[in-house]
Amino acid sequence: MRTAPRPWLHFVTAGYPIESNWKRWTRRLTSRYILVAFVIAYIIGLSFLVRTNSFLTPPESVISCGAVYWTNEDNCGVNGTLCEPFTDTSFDFRCPANCKSLVLANARPVGTEEVAFVPLVVGGGDDKGTYRGDSFICSAAIHAGIVSNSKGGCGTVSLVGTFQNFLSSSAHGVSSTAFPSTFPLSMRFSPSNALKYCADLRNEALAFDIIVTFILFLLLRPPPVVLFWCLVCLGYWHITLFSDSRDMPPDLSGAFGDFLPALFVSYAFWRFAWRHTLPAFSDLPLERAVWYLPFYWLGVLFNITTQKIPIDRLLGSDIRQRPGALTALIVIVIFIVVAILNQMRVARKTGWLTFYFWRYLLGAAVVLVLSQMPGLVLRLHHYIAAILLMPLTAFPTRPSAAYQAFCLGMFLNGIAKFKFDSFLQTPAELRRDAPLGSSLPVFLTNSTSYNASVPLQSQTLFWDTFPNTDEGWNGYSLVIDDVQRYVGLAMNFSLAILDPALPHFFRLAFQRDGTSGDYTQAATLWPNGTWVDPAPGPA
């Protein structure tokens, strides 16, 4: 990249004499030998912190925030046999911190209720604190008061088999969902005395690393290029080991696999942006720390700083279905546009506007062409957004310092957590567990045909045959009370096994070679014999 012209705008001047005084007071600490000793001491201290946090608890006891005993829809098989045992089993577990942030990205049916954008916790409102077996274990344990959201913790979960009438409640910042029918797998929580080193130390590690960065910026003050690489390495491994690990214990093999390409991208950041901005603050250590470090840590902790923003992915389908997402997106876009316009103003004053304009125009044309490839969807990951915005921060201004610090942290967060995900993905990769859009079966039993005078033990549920489509259906899957009860070609099912004193919920899907399509919404049969037809659309 050619050297930019250096008009007045390319010099950041000090307005406070304390900057020069601070440099004089701390000059003796800027020795390279002190820096090397500090880095060695940091690595040793970090090693002990990582060991205590992640590697002293038996790995088989460490579970993720989304761990469950009973998986979604029909994954447990007919009558849940693939998820047995249902009773007389206990398990000592350890949960990480911040598990309340893991929510259902798509609606999950619980009876007739569609639960979305909250942790899946069903029940827990009875005297013994009984939860349905498909609840997130860690979120349910937080609701039960066994573990903490801020510190994680250990507990014992005991399976108690079939339970009915799961009651909802709100406790410890988690609201559970009620389920008035029966479920074959339920669980209760108690404190665990078998595990040690249960507390998640991510807050202590954050304080430790923040202090280290301020020492680097204010006291040791290495050359700008060394300071930059310290931020890259420290931020990447903080995310990997503490704030947003891919797994527990941390996946060190995968992390090292992505670290090298992350260093190559970071080198491009230095060449095209940071080397024009960070050195301009060399005589302003206090101001440099103020403009860089807060925004850097906001980017590194991107998963926490954006936790309250109702946007998970920049996809039209996600934004349409989540309340408040469109408003939040508009606010974010306005802020980004204002920041870009300010950077364009700076580029025009320095004579670089044409240089950037044509290169970004070419990049936009390439992206536009790629986005039209059949069978692929353009997805803007936040690490890609950081890469796209970083060149616009190559001007020694105070806003540029803040922008590039945030972009670096955001890039590191994206790579350390999600790897180098493709910006072109198939609809199947983006669907998660959302409906497929397949054909839906039709119940022949309905509010008109159901005869409430016939005892439930003598009732039979009927449904219609396959539609005239080319989807290749060759079977049916019937889910009763959120448990798969039948798979086959028959077009009816006896209700004799059901408890007449409880409400029951029926959902049906076509199958092709054992794989289910979309399920219908739930039809409901109340104990008084009232049949409520399913709402239109898939569950």
Protein backbone atom coordinates (compact mmCIF):
# COMPACT_ATOMS: atom_id res chain seq x y z
CA MET A 1 0.00 0.00 0.00
CA ARG A 2 1.47 3.38 -0.96
CA THR A 3 2.26 5.89 1.75
CA ALA A 4 -0.53 8.33 2.47
CA PRO A 5 0.08 12.08 2.32
CA ARG A 6 0.60 13.71 5.71
CA PRO A 7 -1.41 16.91 6.06
CA TRP A 8 -2.31 18.41 9.46
CA LEU A 9 -5.05 15.86 10.00
CA HIS A 10 -2.49 13.07 10.25
CA PHE A 11 -1.06 14.28 13.54
CA VAL A 12 -2.75 13.83 16.90
CA THR A 13 -1.66 16.61 19.24
CA ALA A 14 -1.70 16.53 23.02
CA GLY A 15 -3.82 18.97 24.92
CA TYR A 16 -2.79 18.02 28.44
CA PRO A 17 0.68 18.33 30.00
CA ILE A 18 0.02 15.24 32.10
CA GLU A 19 0.88 13.12 29.03
CA SER A 20 4.50 14.30 28.96
CA ASN A 21 4.73 14.07 32.74
CA TRP A 22 3.41 10.52 32.69
CA LYS A 23 5.97 9.51 30.10
CA ARG A 24 8.74 10.97 32.24
CA TRP A 25 7.53 9.28 35.43
CA THR A 26 7.28 5.81 33.81
CA ARG A 27 10.28 5.98 31.46
CA ARG A 28 12.27 3.40 33.45
CA LEU A 29 9.53 0.82 32.99
CA THR A 30 9.76 0.84 29.18
CA SER A 31 12.81 -1.43 29.04
CA ARG A 32 12.47 -4.38 26.70
CA TYR A 33 13.83 -6.67 29.42
CA ILE A 34 10.99 -5.70 31.73
CA LEU A 35 8.56 -6.38 28.87
CA VAL A 36 9.98 -9.86 28.25
CA ALA A 37 9.87 -10.69 31.97
CA PHE A 38 6.28 -9.40 32.16
CA VAL A 39 5.18 -11.52 29.19
CA ILE A 40 6.74 -14.65 30.71
CA ALA A 41 5.09 -13.94 34.06
CA TYR A 42 1.76 -13.37 32.28
CA ILE A 43 1.94 -16.70 30.43
CA ILE A 44 2.77 -18.56 33.65
CA GLY A 45 -0.06 -16.86 35.55
CA LEU A 46 -2.47 -17.50 32.69
CA SER A 47 -1.55 -21.19 32.63
CA PHE A 48 -2.44 -21.63 36.29
CA LEU A 49 -5.70 -19.73 35.81
CA VAL A 50 -6.68 -21.86 32.79
CA ARG A 51 -5.80 -25.08 34.60
CA THR A 52 -7.91 -24.17 37.62
CA ASN A 53 -10.83 -23.01 35.48
CA SER A 54 -11.02 -25.81 32.94
CA PHE A 55 -8.87 -28.85 33.62
CA LEU A 56 -9.29 -29.86 37.28
CA THR A 57 -12.90 -31.00 36.94
CA PRO A 58 -13.37 -34.47 35.33
CA PRO A 59 -14.14 -33.74 31.66
CA GLU A 60 -17.06 -36.17 31.61
CA SER A 61 -18.80 -34.00 34.24
CA VAL A 62 -18.41 -30.73 32.35
CA ILE A 63 -21.47 -30.01 30.20
CA SER A 64 -22.40 -27.20 27.85
CA CYS A 65 -25.20 -24.71 28.39
CA GLY A 66 -27.37 -26.54 25.86
CA ALA A 67 -26.93 -30.06 27.27
CA VAL A 68 -30.18 -32.04 27.52
CA TYR A 69 -31.31 -35.58 28.26
CA TRP A 70 -34.15 -35.55 25.72
CA THR A 71 -33.59 -34.09 22.28
CA ASN A 72 -36.05 -32.30 20.03
CA GLU A 73 -38.99 -33.77 18.15
CA ASP A 74 -38.52 -37.44 17.22
CA ASN A 75 -34.77 -37.80 17.84
CA CYS A 76 -35.37 -40.03 20.87
CA GLY A 77 -37.31 -42.56 18.79
CA VAL A 78 -40.67 -44.19 19.44
CA ASN A 79 -41.58 -43.90 23.13
CA GLY A 80 -38.21 -42.27 23.74
CA THR A 81 -36.29 -45.55 23.78
CA LEU A 82 -33.15 -43.92 22.35
CA CYS A 83 -32.99 -41.58 25.35
CA GLU A 84 -33.34 -44.20 28.10
CA PRO A 85 -32.88 -44.72 31.03
CA PHE A 86 -35.67 -42.59 32.45
CA THR A 87 -35.30 -43.36 36.17
CA ASP A 88 -32.88 -44.32 38.95
CA THR A 89 -29.96 -42.42 37.41
CA SER A 90 -28.07 -39.44 38.79
CA PHE A 91 -25.23 -37.40 37.34
CA ASP A 92 -22.82 -34.90 38.86
CA PHE A 93 -22.34 -32.04 36.43
CA ARG A 94 -20.59 -28.70 36.12
CA CYS A 95 -22.10 -25.79 34.16
CA PRO A 96 -20.21 -22.80 32.75
CA ALA A 97 -21.27 -19.23 33.48
CA ASN A 98 -23.68 -17.13 31.42
CA CYS A 99 -25.96 -20.03 30.45
CA LYS A 100 -29.06 -17.82 30.53
CA SER A 101 -27.80 -16.28 27.29
CA LEU A 102 -28.35 -19.55 25.39
CA VAL A 103 -31.89 -19.35 24.05
CA LEU A 104 -34.01 -21.17 21.50
CA ALA A 105 -33.35 -19.57 18.13
CA ASN A 106 -36.50 -21.10 16.63
CA ALA A 107 -39.88 -21.84 18.15
CA ARG A 108 -40.04 -25.15 20.07
CA PRO A 109 -43.51 -26.67 20.69
CA VAL A 110 -44.37 -27.47 24.31
CA GLY A 111 -47.93 -28.71 24.14
CA THR A 112 -49.75 -25.96 22.27
CA GLU A 113 -47.26 -23.27 23.28
CA GLU A 114 -44.48 -22.14 20.97
CA VAL A 115 -41.41 -21.34 23.10
CA ALA A 116 -38.76 -19.15 21.45
CA PHE A 117 -35.90 -16.77 22.31
CA VAL A 118 -35.67 -18.01 25.92
CA PRO A 119 -33.83 -20.93 27.55
CA LEU A 120 -35.90 -24.11 27.31
CA VAL A 121 -36.98 -24.81 30.89
CA VAL A 122 -40.23 -26.73 31.38
CA GLY A 123 -41.66 -27.14 34.87
CA GLY A 124 -39.88 -26.67 38.17
CA GLY A 125 -42.81 -24.92 39.85
CA ASP A 126 -43.89 -27.84 42.06
CA ASP A 127 -42.70 -28.38 45.63
CA LYS A 128 -39.98 -30.84 44.59
CA GLY A 129 -38.76 -28.80 41.62
CA THR A 130 -39.49 -31.30 38.83
CA TYR A 131 -38.45 -30.40 35.28
CA ARG A 132 -39.29 -32.03 31.99
CA GLY A 133 -36.42 -34.06 30.56
CA ASP A 134 -35.92 -31.89 27.47
CA SER A 135 -35.15 -28.78 29.55
CA PHE A 136 -31.68 -27.29 29.24
CA ILE A 137 -29.93 -28.83 32.25
CA CYS A 138 -27.86 -25.76 33.13
CA SER A 139 -30.72 -23.28 32.72
CA ALA A 140 -32.99 -25.51 34.78
CA ALA A 141 -30.27 -25.74 37.45
CA ILE A 142 -30.07 -21.93 37.51
CA HIS A 143 -33.86 -21.79 37.85
CA ALA A 144 -33.61 -24.29 40.73
CA GLY A 145 -30.94 -22.19 42.45
CA ILE A 146 -28.30 -24.92 42.28
CA VAL A 147 -25.85 -23.05 40.04
CA SER A 148 -25.28 -19.36 39.34
CA ASN A 149 -25.56 -17.64 36.00
CA SER A 150 -22.57 -15.40 36.75
CA LYS A 151 -20.28 -18.09 38.18
CA GLY A 152 -21.64 -21.38 36.86
CA GLY A 153 -21.34 -24.19 39.37
CA CYS A 154 -21.86 -27.87 40.10
CA GLY A 155 -24.91 -29.91 40.95
CA THR A 156 -26.48 -33.34 40.81
CA VAL A 157 -29.35 -34.12 38.46
CA SER A 158 -31.53 -37.15 39.25
CA LEU A 159 -33.91 -38.74 36.76
CA VAL A 160 -37.29 -39.57 38.27
CA GLY A 161 -39.17 -41.02 35.30
CA THR A 162 -42.75 -40.18 34.34
CA PHE A 163 -44.27 -37.02 35.76
CA GLN A 164 -47.40 -35.06 34.96
CA ASN A 165 -48.54 -31.46 35.21
CA PHE A 166 -45.25 -29.56 35.08
CA LEU A 167 -45.85 -26.17 36.70
CA SER A 168 -44.30 -22.92 35.50
CA SER A 169 -42.54 -20.39 37.71
CA SER A 170 -39.96 -17.61 37.62
CA ALA A 171 -36.82 -17.84 39.75
CA HIS A 172 -33.25 -16.52 39.61
CA GLY A 173 -33.92 -14.66 36.38
CA VAL A 174 -35.29 -17.69 34.47
CA SER A 175 -38.95 -18.21 33.61
CA SER A 176 -40.11 -21.77 32.98
CA THR A 177 -42.93 -23.03 30.79
CA ALA A 178 -45.89 -25.06 32.02
CA PHE A 179 -46.89 -28.41 30.52
CA PRO A 180 -50.19 -29.85 31.82
CA SER A 181 -49.82 -33.39 30.47
CA THR A 182 -47.44 -36.31 31.10
CA PHE A 183 -43.85 -36.87 30.03
CA PRO A 184 -41.78 -40.07 30.46
CA LEU A 185 -38.54 -38.36 31.54
CA SER A 186 -38.31 -35.82 34.34
CA MET A 187 -35.49 -34.61 36.55
CA ARG A 188 -34.72 -32.90 39.85
CA PHE A 189 -31.65 -31.09 41.10
CA SER A 190 -29.63 -31.12 44.30
CA PRO A 191 -26.24 -29.69 45.32
CA SER A 192 -23.18 -31.78 44.48
CA ASN A 193 -20.41 -32.59 46.94
CA ALA A 194 -18.54 -34.86 44.54
CA LEU A 195 -17.03 -32.15 42.31
CA LYS A 196 -14.58 -29.41 43.14
CA TYR A 197 -13.30 -26.30 41.30
CA CYS A 198 -16.87 -25.58 40.21
CA ALA A 199 -16.80 -21.79 39.91
CA ASP A 200 -16.30 -20.33 36.44
CA LEU A 201 -13.37 -17.92 36.64
CA ARG A 202 -14.13 -15.90 33.51
CA ASN A 203 -14.78 -12.72 35.50
CA GLU A 204 -11.46 -13.08 37.34
CA ALA A 205 -9.71 -13.80 34.03
CA LEU A 206 -11.34 -10.73 32.47
CA ALA A 207 -10.12 -8.50 35.29
CA PHE A 208 -6.66 -10.06 35.01
CA ASP A 209 -6.42 -9.48 31.25
CA ILE A 210 -7.84 -5.95 31.40
CA ILE A 211 -5.21 -5.03 33.98
CA VAL A 212 -2.52 -6.56 31.75
CA THR A 213 -3.60 -4.48 28.74
CA PHE A 214 -3.59 -1.28 30.78
CA ILE A 215 -0.09 -2.10 32.09
CA LEU A 216 1.06 -2.60 28.50
CA PHE A 217 -0.48 0.66 27.32
CA LEU A 218 0.37 2.89 30.28
CA LEU A 219 3.55 1.54 31.89
CA LEU A 220 5.55 -0.77 29.62
CA ARG A 221 4.61 1.01 26.38
CA PRO A 222 6.30 -1.30 23.84
CA PRO A 223 6.61 -0.21 20.18
CA PRO A 224 3.24 0.08 18.42
CA VAL A 225 3.72 -3.09 16.37
CA VAL A 226 4.48 -5.10 19.54
CA LEU A 227 1.49 -3.55 21.27
CA PHE A 228 -0.74 -4.53 18.36
CA TRP A 229 0.37 -8.17 18.41
CA CYS A 230 -0.10 -8.29 22.17
CA LEU A 231 -3.73 -7.26 21.67
CA VAL A 232 -4.24 -9.87 18.95
CA CYS A 233 -2.83 -12.76 20.97
CA LEU A 234 -4.31 -11.78 24.32
CA GLY A 235 -7.80 -11.21 22.91
CA TYR A 236 -7.92 -14.42 20.89
CA TRP A 237 -6.88 -16.62 23.79
CA HIS A 238 -9.07 -14.81 26.29
CA ILE A 239 -12.10 -15.63 24.15
CA THR A 240 -10.94 -19.20 23.52
CA LEU A 241 -10.12 -20.01 27.13
CA PHE A 242 -12.62 -17.95 29.10
CA SER A 243 -15.24 -15.57 27.77
CA ASP A 244 -16.76 -17.50 24.84
CA SER A 245 -15.19 -20.96 24.54
CA ARG A 246 -16.38 -23.24 21.77
CA ASP A 247 -16.57 -26.10 24.24
CA MET A 248 -15.79 -26.98 27.83
CA PRO A 249 -13.00 -27.78 28.45
CA PRO A 250 -11.69 -25.47 25.70
CA ASP A 251 -11.01 -27.04 22.32
CA LEU A 252 -7.29 -26.26 22.19
CA SER A 253 -6.70 -28.29 19.02
CA GLY A 254 -9.31 -26.38 17.05
CA ALA A 255 -8.21 -23.07 18.56
CA PHE A 256 -4.60 -23.52 17.44
CA GLY A 257 -5.89 -24.55 14.01
CA ASP A 258 -7.62 -21.17 13.55
CA PHE A 259 -4.97 -19.10 15.32
CA LEU A 260 -2.47 -19.13 12.44
CA PRO A 261 -4.90 -17.87 9.74
CA ALA A 262 -6.17 -15.31 12.26
CA LEU A 263 -2.59 -14.02 12.55
CA PHE A 264 -2.38 -13.62 8.76
CA VAL A 265 -5.58 -11.54 8.71
CA SER A 266 -4.30 -9.54 11.67
CA TYR A 267 -1.11 -8.80 9.75
CA ALA A 268 -3.26 -7.32 6.99
CA PHE A 269 -4.99 -5.22 9.63
CA TRP A 270 -1.62 -3.86 10.71
CA ARG A 271 -0.43 -3.15 7.18
CA PHE A 272 -3.57 -1.45 5.95
CA ALA A 273 -4.93 0.29 9.05
CA TRP A 274 -3.21 0.04 12.42
CA ARG A 275 0.27 1.17 11.37
CA HIS A 276 -1.20 4.48 10.24
CA THR A 277 -3.13 5.12 13.46
CA LEU A 278 -1.61 3.49 16.55
CA PRO A 279 1.88 5.09 16.20
CA ALA A 280 0.27 8.54 16.10
CA PHE A 281 -0.66 8.09 19.76
CA SER A 282 2.83 7.09 20.92
CA ASP A 283 3.34 10.40 22.75
CA LEU A 284 -0.13 10.20 24.31
CA PRO A 285 -0.13 7.03 26.44
CA LEU A 286 -3.08 8.07 28.58
CA GLU A 287 -5.25 9.11 25.67
CA ARG A 288 -4.19 6.05 23.69
CA ALA A 289 -5.42 3.81 26.50
CA VAL A 290 -8.71 5.70 26.68
CA TRP A 291 -9.43 5.47 22.94
CA TYR A 292 -8.24 1.91 22.38
CA LEU A 293 -8.81 -0.32 25.38
CA PRO A 294 -12.52 0.23 26.24
CA PHE A 295 -13.57 -0.29 22.63
CA TYR A 296 -11.19 -3.21 22.18
CA TRP A 297 -12.74 -5.01 25.14
CA LEU A 298 -16.25 -4.22 23.93
CA GLY A 299 -15.35 -6.04 20.71
CA VAL A 300 -13.61 -8.95 22.44
CA LEU A 301 -16.71 -9.42 24.62
CA PHE A 302 -19.00 -9.07 21.60
CA ASN A 303 -21.16 -11.98 22.81
CA ILE A 304 -21.85 -10.09 26.06
CA THR A 305 -22.06 -6.51 24.77
CA THR A 306 -24.67 -7.52 22.17
CA GLN A 307 -26.51 -9.96 24.41
CA LYS A 308 -29.54 -7.68 24.87
CA ILE A 309 -29.80 -6.82 21.18
CA PRO A 310 -32.52 -9.05 19.65
CA ILE A 311 -30.44 -9.97 16.60
CA ASP A 312 -28.75 -13.34 16.35
CA ARG A 313 -27.89 -13.45 12.64
CA LEU A 314 -28.15 -10.86 9.88
CA LEU A 315 -30.70 -12.89 7.94
CA GLY A 316 -34.07 -11.63 6.80
CA SER A 317 -35.87 -14.69 8.18
CA ASP A 318 -34.35 -14.22 11.64
CA ILE A 319 -35.03 -10.49 11.77
CA ARG A 320 -38.67 -10.89 10.70
CA GLN A 321 -39.55 -13.44 13.37
CA ARG A 322 -37.87 -11.85 16.40
CA PRO A 323 -39.64 -8.93 18.12
CA GLY A 324 -37.58 -5.76 18.16
CA ALA A 325 -34.96 -7.06 15.72
CA LEU A 326 -35.89 -4.71 12.88
CA THR A 327 -35.77 -1.65 15.14
CA ALA A 328 -32.41 -2.70 16.55
CA LEU A 329 -31.07 -3.28 13.04
CA ILE A 330 -32.19 0.18 11.89
CA VAL A 331 -30.43 1.82 14.86
CA ILE A 332 -27.23 -0.16 14.20
CA VAL A 333 -27.29 0.69 10.48
CA ILE A 334 -27.77 4.39 11.22
CA PHE A 335 -24.80 4.38 13.59
CA ILE A 336 -22.60 2.53 11.07
CA VAL A 337 -23.62 4.85 8.24
CA VAL A 338 -22.80 7.94 10.33
CA ALA A 339 -19.41 6.46 11.26
CA ILE A 340 -18.64 5.59 7.62
CA LEU A 341 -19.64 9.06 6.43
CA ASN A 342 -17.31 10.61 8.98
CA GLN A 343 -14.47 8.36 7.81
CA MET A 344 -15.23 9.30 4.20
CA ARG A 345 -15.01 12.96 5.20
CA VAL A 346 -11.56 12.29 6.64
CA ALA A 347 -10.58 10.36 3.52
CA ARG A 348 -11.65 13.27 1.32
CA LYS A 349 -9.60 15.77 3.33
CA THR A 350 -6.52 13.57 3.10
CA GLY A 351 -6.93 12.83 -0.62
CA TRP A 352 -7.74 9.13 -0.20
CA LEU A 353 -11.46 9.11 -0.97
CA THR A 354 -11.05 8.03 -4.59
CA PHE A 355 -8.59 5.32 -3.59
CA TYR A 356 -11.09 3.77 -1.16
CA PHE A 357 -14.17 4.39 -3.28
CA TRP A 358 -13.08 2.35 -6.29
CA ARG A 359 -11.76 -0.53 -4.22
CA TYR A 360 -14.91 -0.80 -2.13
CA LEU A 361 -17.01 -0.50 -5.29
CA LEU A 362 -15.09 -3.39 -6.84
CA GLY A 363 -15.50 -5.45 -3.67
CA ALA A 364 -19.23 -4.74 -3.59
CA ALA A 365 -19.56 -5.87 -7.21
CA VAL A 366 -17.77 -9.15 -6.44
CA VAL A 367 -20.00 -9.78 -3.42
CA LEU A 368 -23.10 -8.99 -5.49
CA VAL A 369 -22.09 -11.54 -8.13
CA LEU A 370 -21.30 -14.21 -5.53
CA SER A 371 -24.60 -13.62 -3.74
CA GLN A 372 -26.45 -14.64 -6.90
CA MET A 373 -24.94 -18.12 -6.97
CA PRO A 374 -27.75 -20.73 -7.00
CA GLY A 375 -28.37 -22.65 -3.80
CA LEU A 376 -26.33 -20.29 -1.62
CA VAL A 377 -27.29 -17.47 0.73
CA LEU A 378 -25.08 -14.50 1.57
CA ARG A 379 -24.43 -14.27 5.31
CA LEU A 380 -22.50 -11.42 6.89
CA HIS A 381 -20.69 -12.86 9.92
CA HIS A 382 -19.45 -10.28 12.39
CA TYR A 383 -15.82 -11.22 11.74
CA ILE A 384 -16.40 -10.40 8.05
CA ALA A 385 -17.96 -7.06 9.00
CA ALA A 386 -14.80 -6.27 10.99
CA ILE A 387 -12.61 -7.13 7.99
CA LEU A 388 -14.69 -4.93 5.67
CA LEU A 389 -14.67 -1.93 8.00
CA MET A 390 -11.07 -2.08 9.18
CA PRO A 391 -9.47 -0.34 6.13
CA LEU A 392 -11.65 2.71 6.75
CA THR A 393 -9.87 3.27 10.08
CA ALA A 394 -6.43 3.93 8.54
CA PHE A 395 -6.40 7.58 9.61
CA PRO A 396 -4.75 8.91 12.80
CA THR A 397 -7.88 10.35 14.34
CA ARG A 398 -9.45 9.60 17.67
CA PRO A 399 -12.63 8.05 16.18
CA SER A 400 -10.45 5.85 13.94
CA ALA A 401 -8.64 4.55 17.02
CA ALA A 402 -11.91 3.61 18.68
CA TYR A 403 -13.34 2.04 15.52
CA GLN A 404 -10.31 -0.10 14.75
CA ALA A 405 -10.01 -1.25 18.36
CA PHE A 406 -13.63 -2.41 18.33
CA CYS A 407 -13.27 -4.05 14.91
CA LEU A 408 -10.19 -5.97 16.05
CA GLY A 409 -11.99 -7.26 19.13
CA MET A 410 -15.06 -8.17 17.07
CA PHE A 411 -12.91 -10.03 14.53
CA LEU A 412 -11.15 -12.01 17.26
CA ASN A 413 -14.47 -12.87 18.89
CA GLY A 414 -15.90 -14.18 15.63
CA ILE A 415 -12.89 -16.33 14.75
CA ALA A 416 -12.23 -17.69 18.24
CA LYS A 417 -15.87 -18.71 18.68
CA PHE A 418 -17.15 -19.64 15.21
CA LYS A 419 -13.98 -20.22 13.14
CA PHE A 420 -13.76 -18.82 9.59
CA ASP A 421 -17.36 -19.60 8.67
CA SER A 422 -18.21 -19.16 5.02
CA PHE A 423 -20.01 -15.99 3.96
CA LEU A 424 -21.94 -18.13 1.43
CA GLN A 425 -23.97 -20.89 3.04
CA THR A 426 -26.71 -23.26 1.96
CA PRO A 427 -30.27 -22.83 3.25
CA ALA A 428 -29.91 -26.18 5.06
CA GLU A 429 -26.89 -24.84 7.00
CA LEU A 430 -28.84 -21.76 8.05
CA ARG A 431 -32.11 -23.51 8.88
CA ARG A 432 -31.06 -24.97 12.25
CA ASP A 433 -34.24 -26.67 13.54
CA ALA A 434 -36.69 -24.35 11.80
CA PRO A 435 -39.49 -25.87 9.67
CA LEU A 436 -38.46 -27.31 6.32
CA GLY A 437 -41.46 -25.98 4.42
CA SER A 438 -42.66 -29.48 3.56
CA SER A 439 -46.24 -30.66 3.12
CA LEU A 440 -48.31 -31.10 6.28
CA PRO A 441 -50.65 -34.02 7.04
CA VAL A 442 -54.32 -33.47 7.79
CA PHE A 443 -56.16 -34.96 10.78
CA LEU A 444 -59.46 -36.55 9.80
CA THR A 445 -60.35 -36.52 13.47
CA ASN A 446 -61.41 -32.97 14.21
CA SER A 447 -63.70 -30.84 16.33
CA THR A 448 -66.66 -31.83 14.17
CA SER A 449 -66.11 -35.58 13.88
CA TYR A 450 -64.84 -36.30 17.40
CA ASN A 451 -67.52 -38.03 19.52
CA ALA A 452 -66.96 -37.02 23.15
CA SER A 453 -69.53 -39.53 24.39
CA VAL A 454 -67.21 -42.43 23.50
CA PRO A 455 -64.70 -43.27 26.29
CA LEU A 456 -61.11 -42.35 25.53
CA GLN A 457 -60.05 -46.01 25.74
CA SER A 458 -62.27 -46.70 22.74
CA GLN A 459 -61.26 -43.70 20.66
CA THR A 460 -59.10 -43.85 17.53
CA LEU A 461 -57.25 -41.00 15.89
CA PHE A 462 -57.47 -40.83 12.08
CA TRP A 463 -55.54 -38.84 9.47
CA ASP A 464 -55.57 -38.39 5.70
CA THR A 465 -53.34 -40.09 3.12
CA PHE A 466 -50.27 -38.65 1.38
CA PRO A 467 -50.79 -35.60 -0.86
CA ASN A 468 -50.19 -35.74 -4.59
CA THR A 469 -46.68 -34.27 -4.47
CA ASP A 470 -43.25 -35.46 -5.53
CA GLU A 471 -41.82 -35.35 -1.99
CA GLY A 472 -41.57 -39.13 -1.79
CA TRP A 473 -43.40 -39.69 1.49
CA ASN A 474 -43.65 -43.31 2.61
CA GLY A 475 -44.67 -43.12 6.27
CA TYR A 476 -46.13 -41.13 9.14
CA SER A 477 -44.80 -39.96 12.48
CA LEU A 478 -47.23 -39.23 15.30
CA VAL A 479 -46.15 -37.23 18.35
CA ILE A 480 -48.41 -37.29 21.40
CA ASP A 481 -47.61 -35.00 24.33
CA ASP A 482 -44.27 -34.14 22.67
CA VAL A 483 -43.21 -37.81 22.55
CA GLN A 484 -43.10 -39.84 19.33
CA ARG A 485 -45.63 -42.65 19.76
CA TYR A 486 -46.04 -44.11 16.29
CA VAL A 487 -44.03 -44.52 13.07
CA GLY A 488 -45.43 -46.45 10.12
CA LEU A 489 -47.88 -46.56 7.22
CA ALA A 490 -51.12 -46.92 9.17
CA MET A 491 -53.54 -44.01 9.00
CA ASN A 492 -54.98 -44.38 12.50
CA PHE A 493 -53.83 -44.81 16.09
CA SER A 494 -55.69 -46.08 19.16
CA LEU A 495 -55.88 -43.65 22.08
CA ALA A 496 -56.43 -46.41 24.65
CA ILE A 497 -52.98 -45.82 26.22
CA LEU A 498 -53.79 -42.23 27.18
CA ASP A 499 -54.90 -40.98 30.61
CA PRO A 500 -58.45 -39.57 30.31
CA ALA A 501 -57.83 -37.21 33.25
CA LEU A 502 -55.14 -35.24 31.41
CA PRO A 503 -55.12 -33.01 28.31
CA HIS A 504 -53.26 -34.46 25.34
CA PHE A 505 -51.54 -32.86 22.36
CA PHE A 506 -51.21 -34.45 18.90
CA ARG A 507 -48.83 -33.51 16.11
CA LEU A 508 -48.32 -35.39 12.86
CA ALA A 509 -45.68 -35.41 10.13
CA PHE A 510 -45.01 -37.27 6.93
CA GLN A 511 -41.85 -39.37 6.74
CA ARG A 512 -39.53 -40.32 3.93
CA ASP A 513 -37.28 -43.31 4.61
CA GLY A 514 -37.49 -42.72 8.35
CA THR A 515 -36.84 -38.95 8.21
CA SER A 516 -39.70 -36.72 9.32
CA GLY A 517 -40.89 -33.63 7.52
CA ASP A 518 -42.56 -30.72 9.25
CA TYR A 519 -44.99 -31.48 12.05
CA THR A 520 -48.39 -29.89 12.28
CA GLN A 521 -49.32 -27.58 15.07
CA ALA A 522 -50.79 -29.41 18.05
CA ALA A 523 -54.36 -30.61 18.10
CA THR A 524 -55.63 -30.68 21.70
CA LEU A 525 -57.94 -33.13 23.43
CA TRP A 526 -59.14 -31.86 26.81
CA PRO A 527 -60.33 -34.18 29.62
CA ASN A 528 -63.93 -33.00 29.16
CA GLY A 529 -63.89 -34.40 25.62
CA THR A 530 -63.39 -31.09 23.81
CA TRP A 531 -61.26 -31.45 20.67
CA VAL A 532 -59.42 -28.32 19.45
CA ASP A 533 -58.16 -28.43 15.88
CA PRO A 534 -54.50 -27.55 15.23
CA ALA A 535 -53.63 -24.04 14.15
CA PRO A 536 -52.50 -23.70 10.52
CA GLY A 537 -48.85 -24.01 9.63
CA PRO A 538 -45.94 -26.12 10.90
CA ALA A 539 -44.82 -26.43 14.51
